[in-house]
Amino acid sequence: MVEQYRQQLDNMMQREISRAEFLKIIGVILLGLTGIVGFLKNLHESVPVQKAPKARQAAPGYGHSAYGR
């Protein structure tokens, strides 16, 4: 199966293309990457973030009152 993909890739790389075709392919790739990155960013922002519970402050003990100072 991997050999089949390798052969297809080799065939694509051996094909001659014009400058216009090359620029179209590069444009599609850049648009695709931009779209994927934007989608992942939106997905990350839409997931609610669970905040860690706040640490409780220690209850005042001996020495916190006026008598302990």
N, C-alpha and C. Protein backbone atom coordinates (compact mmCIF):
# COMPACT_ATOMS: atom_id res chain seq x y z
N MET A 1 0.83 -1.19 0.00
CA MET A 1 0.00 0.00 0.00
C MET A 1 0.87 1.25 0.00
N VAL A 2 1.92 1.26 0.81
CA VAL A 2 2.82 2.40 0.86
C VAL A 2 3.52 2.54 -0.49
N GLU A 3 3.85 1.42 -1.10
CA GLU A 3 4.52 1.45 -2.41
C GLU A 3 3.64 2.12 -3.46
N GLN A 4 2.33 1.88 -3.37
CA GLN A 4 1.39 2.48 -4.32
C GLN A 4 1.41 4.01 -4.17
N TYR A 5 1.39 4.52 -2.94
CA TYR A 5 1.42 5.96 -2.72
C TYR A 5 2.75 6.55 -3.16
N ARG A 6 3.82 5.82 -2.91
CA ARG A 6 5.14 6.29 -3.32
C ARG A 6 5.22 6.41 -4.84
N GLN A 7 4.65 5.43 -5.54
CA GLN A 7 4.67 5.46 -7.00
C GLN A 7 3.82 6.62 -7.52
N GLN A 8 2.65 6.88 -6.92
CA GLN A 8 1.83 8.00 -7.34
C GLN A 8 2.55 9.33 -7.11
N LEU A 9 3.23 9.45 -5.97
CA LEU A 9 3.98 10.67 -5.68
C LEU A 9 5.12 10.85 -6.69
N ASP A 10 5.81 9.77 -7.00
CA ASP A 10 6.89 9.85 -8.00
C ASP A 10 6.34 10.28 -9.36
N ASN A 11 5.19 9.74 -9.74
CA ASN A 11 4.58 10.12 -11.01
C ASN A 11 4.22 11.60 -11.03
N MET A 12 3.67 12.12 -9.93
CA MET A 12 3.33 13.54 -9.85
C MET A 12 4.57 14.41 -9.93
N MET A 13 5.63 13.99 -9.26
CA MET A 13 6.85 14.79 -9.24
C MET A 13 7.55 14.82 -10.60
N GLN A 14 7.36 13.80 -11.43
CA GLN A 14 7.99 13.73 -12.74
C GLN A 14 7.22 14.53 -13.80
N ARG A 15 5.97 14.86 -13.52
CA ARG A 15 5.13 15.57 -14.49
C ARG A 15 5.58 17.02 -14.60
N GLU A 16 5.68 17.51 -15.80
CA GLU A 16 6.04 18.91 -16.01
C GLU A 16 4.77 19.76 -15.97
N ILE A 17 4.87 20.89 -15.27
CA ILE A 17 3.73 21.79 -15.18
C ILE A 17 4.19 23.20 -15.54
N SER A 18 3.23 24.02 -15.93
CA SER A 18 3.55 25.40 -16.27
C SER A 18 3.64 26.25 -15.00
N ARG A 19 4.15 27.45 -15.15
CA ARG A 19 4.25 28.36 -14.02
C ARG A 19 2.87 28.68 -13.44
N ALA A 20 1.88 28.85 -14.32
CA ALA A 20 0.52 29.16 -13.86
C ALA A 20 -0.05 28.01 -13.04
N GLU A 21 0.17 26.77 -13.50
CA GLU A 21 -0.31 25.60 -12.74
C GLU A 21 0.39 25.52 -11.39
N PHE A 22 1.70 25.79 -11.39
CA PHE A 22 2.45 25.75 -10.14
C PHE A 22 1.92 26.78 -9.14
N LEU A 23 1.67 28.00 -9.61
CA LEU A 23 1.16 29.04 -8.73
C LEU A 23 -0.24 28.70 -8.21
N LYS A 24 -1.06 28.08 -9.05
CA LYS A 24 -2.39 27.65 -8.61
C LYS A 24 -2.28 26.60 -7.50
N ILE A 25 -1.38 25.64 -7.69
CA ILE A 25 -1.21 24.59 -6.69
C ILE A 25 -0.72 25.18 -5.37
N ILE A 26 0.27 26.07 -5.44
CA ILE A 26 0.79 26.72 -4.23
C ILE A 26 -0.31 27.54 -3.55
N GLY A 27 -1.12 28.24 -4.34
CA GLY A 27 -2.23 29.02 -3.77
C GLY A 27 -3.24 28.15 -3.06
N VAL A 28 -3.58 27.01 -3.66
CA VAL A 28 -4.54 26.09 -3.04
C VAL A 28 -3.96 25.53 -1.74
N ILE A 29 -2.68 25.20 -1.76
CA ILE A 29 -2.04 24.67 -0.55
C ILE A 29 -2.06 25.72 0.56
N LEU A 30 -1.70 26.97 0.23
CA LEU A 30 -1.69 28.02 1.25
C LEU A 30 -3.09 28.30 1.79
N LEU A 31 -4.09 28.33 0.91
CA LEU A 31 -5.47 28.52 1.37
C LEU A 31 -5.91 27.38 2.25
N GLY A 32 -5.53 26.17 1.89
CA GLY A 32 -5.88 25.00 2.70
C GLY A 32 -5.25 25.06 4.08
N LEU A 33 -3.96 25.40 4.12
CA LEU A 33 -3.29 25.49 5.42
C LEU A 33 -3.89 26.60 6.27
N THR A 34 -4.18 27.73 5.66
CA THR A 34 -4.79 28.84 6.40
C THR A 34 -6.15 28.44 6.94
N GLY A 35 -6.91 27.73 6.13
CA GLY A 35 -8.24 27.28 6.57
C GLY A 35 -8.15 26.28 7.70
N ILE A 36 -7.20 25.35 7.62
CA ILE A 36 -7.05 24.35 8.67
C ILE A 36 -6.61 25.01 9.97
N VAL A 37 -5.64 25.92 9.89
CA VAL A 37 -5.17 26.62 11.09
C VAL A 37 -6.30 27.43 11.71
N GLY A 38 -7.06 28.14 10.88
CA GLY A 38 -8.19 28.92 11.40
C GLY A 38 -9.24 28.04 12.03
N PHE A 39 -9.52 26.91 11.40
CA PHE A 39 -10.50 25.98 11.96
C PHE A 39 -10.05 25.45 13.32
N LEU A 40 -8.79 25.06 13.42
CA LEU A 40 -8.29 24.54 14.69
C LEU A 40 -8.29 25.63 15.76
N LYS A 41 -7.99 26.86 15.38
CA LYS A 41 -8.00 27.97 16.34
C LYS A 41 -9.42 28.21 16.85
N ASN A 42 -10.39 28.22 15.95
CA ASN A 42 -11.79 28.39 16.35
C ASN A 42 -12.26 27.24 17.22
N LEU A 43 -11.84 26.04 16.87
CA LEU A 43 -12.22 24.87 17.66
C LEU A 43 -11.65 24.97 19.07
N HIS A 44 -10.39 25.40 19.16
CA HIS A 44 -9.75 25.53 20.48
C HIS A 44 -10.44 26.60 21.32
N GLU A 45 -10.85 27.71 20.69
CA GLU A 45 -11.50 28.79 21.44
C GLU A 45 -12.92 28.44 21.84
N SER A 46 -13.56 27.53 21.11
CA SER A 46 -14.95 27.20 21.42
C SER A 46 -15.08 26.18 22.54
N VAL A 47 -14.03 25.45 22.83
CA VAL A 47 -14.07 24.45 23.90
C VAL A 47 -13.93 25.18 25.23
N PRO A 48 -14.89 24.97 26.15
CA PRO A 48 -14.77 25.67 27.43
C PRO A 48 -13.57 25.15 28.22
N VAL A 49 -12.90 26.09 28.83
CA VAL A 49 -11.72 25.76 29.63
C VAL A 49 -12.15 25.59 31.07
N GLN A 50 -11.77 24.47 31.66
CA GLN A 50 -12.09 24.25 33.07
C GLN A 50 -11.00 24.88 33.90
N LYS A 51 -11.42 25.79 34.74
CA LYS A 51 -10.45 26.47 35.59
C LYS A 51 -10.22 25.64 36.84
N ALA A 52 -9.03 25.67 37.33
CA ALA A 52 -8.69 24.96 38.55
C ALA A 52 -9.38 25.67 39.72
N PRO A 53 -9.88 24.90 40.67
CA PRO A 53 -10.53 25.54 41.82
C PRO A 53 -9.52 26.39 42.58
N LYS A 54 -10.02 27.53 43.08
CA LYS A 54 -9.14 28.42 43.84
C LYS A 54 -8.75 27.75 45.15
N ALA A 55 -7.52 27.98 45.51
CA ALA A 55 -7.04 27.42 46.77
C ALA A 55 -7.68 28.18 47.92
N ARG A 56 -8.10 27.47 48.90
CA ARG A 56 -8.69 28.11 50.07
C ARG A 56 -7.60 28.76 50.91
N GLN A 57 -7.95 29.88 51.49
CA GLN A 57 -7.00 30.50 52.40
C GLN A 57 -7.13 29.78 53.75
N ALA A 58 -6.01 29.63 54.38
CA ALA A 58 -6.01 28.96 55.67
C ALA A 58 -6.81 29.79 56.67
N ALA A 59 -7.59 29.10 57.48
CA ALA A 59 -8.38 29.79 58.50
C ALA A 59 -7.41 30.43 59.50
N PRO A 60 -7.73 31.64 59.92
CA PRO A 60 -6.85 32.29 60.89
C PRO A 60 -6.78 31.47 62.18
N GLY A 61 -5.61 31.27 62.64
CA GLY A 61 -5.42 30.49 63.88
C GLY A 61 -4.79 31.35 64.95
N TYR A 62 -4.09 30.72 65.81
CA TYR A 62 -3.46 31.41 66.91
C TYR A 62 -2.47 32.44 66.37
N GLY A 63 -2.53 33.64 66.82
CA GLY A 63 -1.61 34.70 66.42
C GLY A 63 -2.20 35.66 65.41
N HIS A 64 -3.43 35.38 64.90
CA HIS A 64 -4.04 36.29 63.94
C HIS A 64 -4.95 37.32 64.61
N SER A 65 -5.26 37.17 65.80
CA SER A 65 -6.14 38.13 66.46
C SER A 65 -5.28 39.20 67.15
N ALA A 66 -5.95 40.22 67.67
CA ALA A 66 -5.26 41.28 68.38
C ALA A 66 -4.56 40.75 69.61
N TYR A 67 -5.07 39.67 70.17
CA TYR A 67 -4.48 39.11 71.39
C TYR A 67 -3.19 38.35 71.09
N GLY A 68 -3.05 37.88 69.84
CA GLY A 68 -1.88 37.09 69.51
C GLY A 68 -0.70 37.91 69.04
N ARG A 69 -0.89 39.22 68.90
CA ARG A 69 0.20 40.04 68.36
C ARG A 69 1.09 40.55 69.42
